[in-house]
Amino acid sequence: MLNRDLQSLPILSTEFNSLLRETESLSVQQRVNILLNISYRDEIKNYEVQKQEHFLLEALKLSPAKEKKRILLQLVRTYQALEQSRIAGATSKGIKRCEELESSYSLSQEEELQIKRTKILFFNKEGRYKESLPILYTLLEKHRSENNALLIIEDLCAIANLFTRLGDLEKGLEVL
């Protein structure tokens, strides 16, 4: 019932904050689930998304190891939303969480691909194109082994674009 009530209130309201304080008396698992549910809401305003980040970081501290992966995946999505709103530091936090997921957790093939693509976007937003290239070449190799022509073309275009951004037009054209 508390979860339902929280979902119906604006995240920046005083009523929301009052209800959220009531979750402190719940079990850790219940509290983590409520905080995660709040983070899944489609908030638009920067302050609302930043508040969701705060809740996810709180859930991350509280949760047992088996729940942390799910929270980190949601945190990466939150940092993408914050980055799109040009919130300072969102890309570097996103990269950090992507690397944490890659190094500490077993990811499904779909999750691994999503994290790699997201990491590329974060690197490119920070102008760290050289760090994107090895990831793109890994994706290209995977897509070639799957014989997925559409994704191969997409990867080659992205690689060529990065070489162009790095000022190596010759290499960019060579890739295509």
Protein backbone atom coordinates (compact mmCIF):
# COMPACT_ATOMS: atom_id res chain seq x y z
CA MET A 1 0.00 0.00 0.00
CA LEU A 2 2.87 2.36 0.83
CA ASN A 3 4.48 1.57 -2.52
CA ARG A 4 1.24 2.35 -4.36
CA ASP A 5 0.81 5.63 -2.48
CA LEU A 6 4.37 6.68 -3.29
CA GLN A 7 3.80 5.94 -6.98
CA SER A 8 0.79 8.24 -7.07
CA LEU A 9 2.51 11.27 -5.51
CA PRO A 10 4.87 13.74 -7.22
CA ILE A 11 8.44 12.86 -6.29
CA LEU A 12 9.23 16.42 -5.17
CA SER A 13 6.21 16.80 -2.88
CA THR A 14 6.34 16.98 0.90
CA GLU A 15 3.73 14.19 1.10
CA PHE A 16 6.09 11.97 -0.88
CA ASN A 17 8.95 12.72 1.52
CA SER A 18 6.73 12.00 4.54
CA LEU A 19 5.63 8.65 3.14
CA LEU A 20 9.19 7.78 2.19
CA ARG A 21 10.30 8.27 5.81
CA GLU A 22 7.86 5.52 6.75
CA THR A 23 9.87 3.04 4.66
CA GLU A 24 12.71 3.29 7.19
CA SER A 25 10.79 0.94 9.48
CA LEU A 26 10.45 -1.74 6.78
CA SER A 27 12.82 -4.59 6.11
CA VAL A 28 15.84 -3.88 3.94
CA GLN A 29 14.39 -5.92 1.06
CA GLN A 30 11.07 -4.08 1.14
CA ARG A 31 12.80 -0.73 1.31
CA VAL A 32 15.14 -1.56 -1.59
CA ASN A 33 12.15 -2.69 -3.69
CA ILE A 34 10.30 0.55 -2.98
CA LEU A 35 13.36 2.66 -3.83
CA LEU A 36 13.84 0.69 -7.06
CA ASN A 37 10.18 1.13 -8.00
CA ILE A 38 10.54 4.87 -7.53
CA SER A 39 13.55 4.87 -9.86
CA TYR A 40 11.52 3.22 -12.64
CA ARG A 41 9.14 6.17 -12.83
CA ASP A 42 9.41 8.29 -15.97
CA GLU A 43 10.42 11.56 -14.41
CA ILE A 44 11.16 14.48 -16.70
CA LYS A 45 12.57 17.31 -14.62
CA ASN A 46 16.25 17.24 -13.72
CA TYR A 47 15.59 17.53 -9.98
CA GLU A 48 13.24 14.55 -10.14
CA VAL A 49 15.77 12.37 -11.96
CA GLN A 50 18.51 13.48 -9.55
CA LYS A 51 16.27 12.46 -6.67
CA GLN A 52 15.85 9.05 -8.33
CA GLU A 53 19.65 8.80 -8.49
CA HIS A 54 19.79 9.55 -4.77
CA PHE A 55 17.28 6.76 -4.07
CA LEU A 56 19.24 4.30 -6.19
CA LEU A 57 22.48 5.13 -4.39
CA GLU A 58 20.68 4.59 -1.08
CA ALA A 59 19.30 1.26 -2.34
CA LEU A 60 22.80 0.26 -3.47
CA LYS A 61 24.16 0.80 0.05
CA LEU A 62 21.33 -1.18 1.63
CA SER A 63 21.00 -4.07 -0.77
CA PRO A 64 22.64 -7.48 -0.58
CA ALA A 65 25.19 -8.39 -3.26
CA LYS A 66 22.68 -10.28 -5.43
CA GLU A 67 20.49 -7.16 -5.80
CA LYS A 68 23.28 -4.71 -6.60
CA LYS A 69 23.50 -5.64 -10.28
CA ARG A 70 19.86 -4.71 -10.89
CA ILE A 71 20.35 -1.40 -9.08
CA LEU A 72 23.54 -0.62 -11.01
CA LEU A 73 21.79 -1.29 -14.33
CA GLN A 74 19.07 1.16 -13.33
CA LEU A 75 21.70 3.68 -12.20
CA VAL A 76 23.31 3.53 -15.65
CA ARG A 77 19.91 4.31 -17.23
CA THR A 78 19.49 7.19 -14.78
CA TYR A 79 22.91 8.60 -15.70
CA GLN A 80 21.92 8.40 -19.37
CA ALA A 81 18.85 10.52 -18.60
CA LEU A 82 20.93 12.98 -16.57
CA GLU A 83 23.55 13.16 -19.32
CA GLN A 84 20.87 13.96 -21.89
CA SER A 85 19.89 16.89 -19.68
CA ARG A 86 23.55 17.90 -19.55
CA ILE A 87 23.89 17.44 -15.80
CA ALA A 88 27.55 17.82 -14.86
CA GLY A 89 29.31 14.62 -13.88
CA ALA A 90 26.62 12.26 -15.19
CA THR A 91 28.83 10.81 -17.94
CA SER A 92 31.78 10.09 -15.67
CA LYS A 93 29.47 8.50 -13.08
CA GLY A 94 27.88 6.46 -15.86
CA ILE A 95 31.26 5.23 -17.10
CA LYS A 96 32.23 4.27 -13.55
CA ARG A 97 29.04 2.25 -13.07
CA CYS A 98 29.42 0.56 -16.48
CA GLU A 99 32.95 -0.49 -15.56
CA GLU A 100 31.75 -1.72 -12.16
CA LEU A 101 29.12 -3.86 -13.87
CA GLU A 102 31.62 -5.25 -16.38
CA SER A 103 34.25 -6.10 -13.79
CA SER A 104 32.17 -7.34 -10.87
CA TYR A 105 29.02 -8.96 -12.25
CA SER A 106 28.02 -11.72 -14.59
CA LEU A 107 26.05 -10.06 -17.37
CA SER A 108 23.73 -11.67 -19.88
CA GLN A 109 24.72 -11.23 -23.51
CA GLU A 110 22.02 -8.59 -23.94
CA GLU A 111 23.10 -6.71 -20.80
CA GLU A 112 26.74 -6.84 -21.88
CA LEU A 113 25.93 -5.38 -25.31
CA GLN A 114 23.77 -2.66 -23.77
CA ILE A 115 26.52 -1.72 -21.31
CA LYS A 116 29.12 -1.59 -24.09
CA ARG A 117 26.91 0.64 -26.25
CA THR A 118 26.11 2.90 -23.32
CA LYS A 119 29.78 3.12 -22.38
CA ILE A 120 30.61 4.16 -25.96
CA LEU A 121 27.99 6.92 -25.77
CA PHE A 122 29.40 8.14 -22.46
CA PHE A 123 32.98 8.10 -23.78
CA ASN A 124 31.94 10.01 -26.90
CA LYS A 125 30.09 12.63 -24.84
CA GLU A 126 33.33 13.24 -22.93
CA GLY A 127 35.36 13.34 -26.16
CA ARG A 128 37.22 10.16 -25.21
CA TYR A 129 36.99 8.69 -28.69
CA LYS A 130 40.14 6.58 -28.44
CA GLU A 131 38.59 4.66 -25.56
CA SER A 132 35.49 3.91 -27.66
CA LEU A 133 37.43 2.32 -30.51
CA PRO A 134 38.41 -0.96 -28.77
CA ILE A 135 34.81 -1.47 -27.66
CA LEU A 136 33.53 -0.83 -31.17
CA TYR A 137 36.06 -3.26 -32.64
CA THR A 138 34.91 -5.89 -30.12
CA LEU A 139 31.30 -5.33 -31.18
CA LEU A 140 32.33 -5.49 -34.85
CA GLU A 141 34.09 -8.81 -34.29
CA LYS A 142 31.03 -10.19 -32.52
CA HIS A 143 28.67 -9.01 -35.25
CA ARG A 144 30.93 -10.46 -37.95
CA SER A 145 30.92 -13.84 -36.19
CA GLU A 146 27.11 -13.66 -36.13
CA ASN A 147 27.11 -12.57 -39.79
CA ASN A 148 24.78 -9.66 -38.93
CA ALA A 149 25.26 -7.35 -41.93
CA LEU A 150 23.18 -4.48 -40.56
CA LEU A 151 25.11 -4.29 -37.29
CA ILE A 152 28.43 -4.71 -39.11
CA ILE A 153 27.63 -1.68 -41.26
CA GLU A 154 26.54 0.27 -38.17
CA ASP A 155 29.80 -0.62 -36.38
CA LEU A 156 31.96 0.31 -39.38
CA CYS A 157 30.22 3.67 -39.71
CA ALA A 158 30.71 4.37 -36.00
CA ILE A 159 34.40 3.44 -36.22
CA ALA A 160 34.89 5.61 -39.31
CA ASN A 161 33.12 8.48 -37.56
CA LEU A 162 35.45 8.18 -34.56
CA PHE A 163 38.56 8.20 -36.73
CA THR A 164 37.20 11.32 -38.43
CA ARG A 165 36.65 12.96 -35.04
CA LEU A 166 40.22 12.04 -34.10
CA GLY A 167 41.41 13.85 -37.25
CA ASP A 168 42.45 10.73 -39.19
CA LEU A 169 40.29 11.13 -42.30
CA GLU A 170 42.34 8.59 -44.23
CA LYS A 171 41.76 5.87 -41.66
CA GLY A 172 38.11 6.84 -41.45
CA LEU A 173 37.68 6.38 -45.20
CA GLU A 174 39.73 3.19 -45.15
CA VAL A 175 37.38 1.62 -42.60
CA LEU A 176 34.40 2.24 -44.84
